[in-house]
């Protein structure tokens, strides 16, 4: 089963930073657009950002703009999600997934258009 693996989550104080990673050993991620999502307990999973195979970047969550940066390192077959200035409301399980439709990011992140979901990584922002 195709699946990516997320890592890098943890407990951080407000204002702190974390860098999440998304990778897989089973195929080349550089052929795909990759999205980062987050899910707050009891709420629906929502798209935050996406990076296309040509490194085009889209941020779908206004709260992420200016604080979070998505990037990719094709040599390491890894997509990163750098999160700075973390706030308690950023607390969630963060997931990455492959966009199944095309190599560029979509206009909106529809969950069913993404696949190879990982297990997620917990990010907790608390003092």
Foldseek 3Di string as FASTA:
>chain_A
DQAKAKDWADEAAAQAKIKMKIADPPDQCLQFKKWKWWDDPPGDIATAKIAFSVRDIDGDDPVQPPFWDWGDDRVVSMIMIMGGRDDQVVWTFMKMWTQQPHRGDDPGDDPVRTDNIHPTDTHGYHD
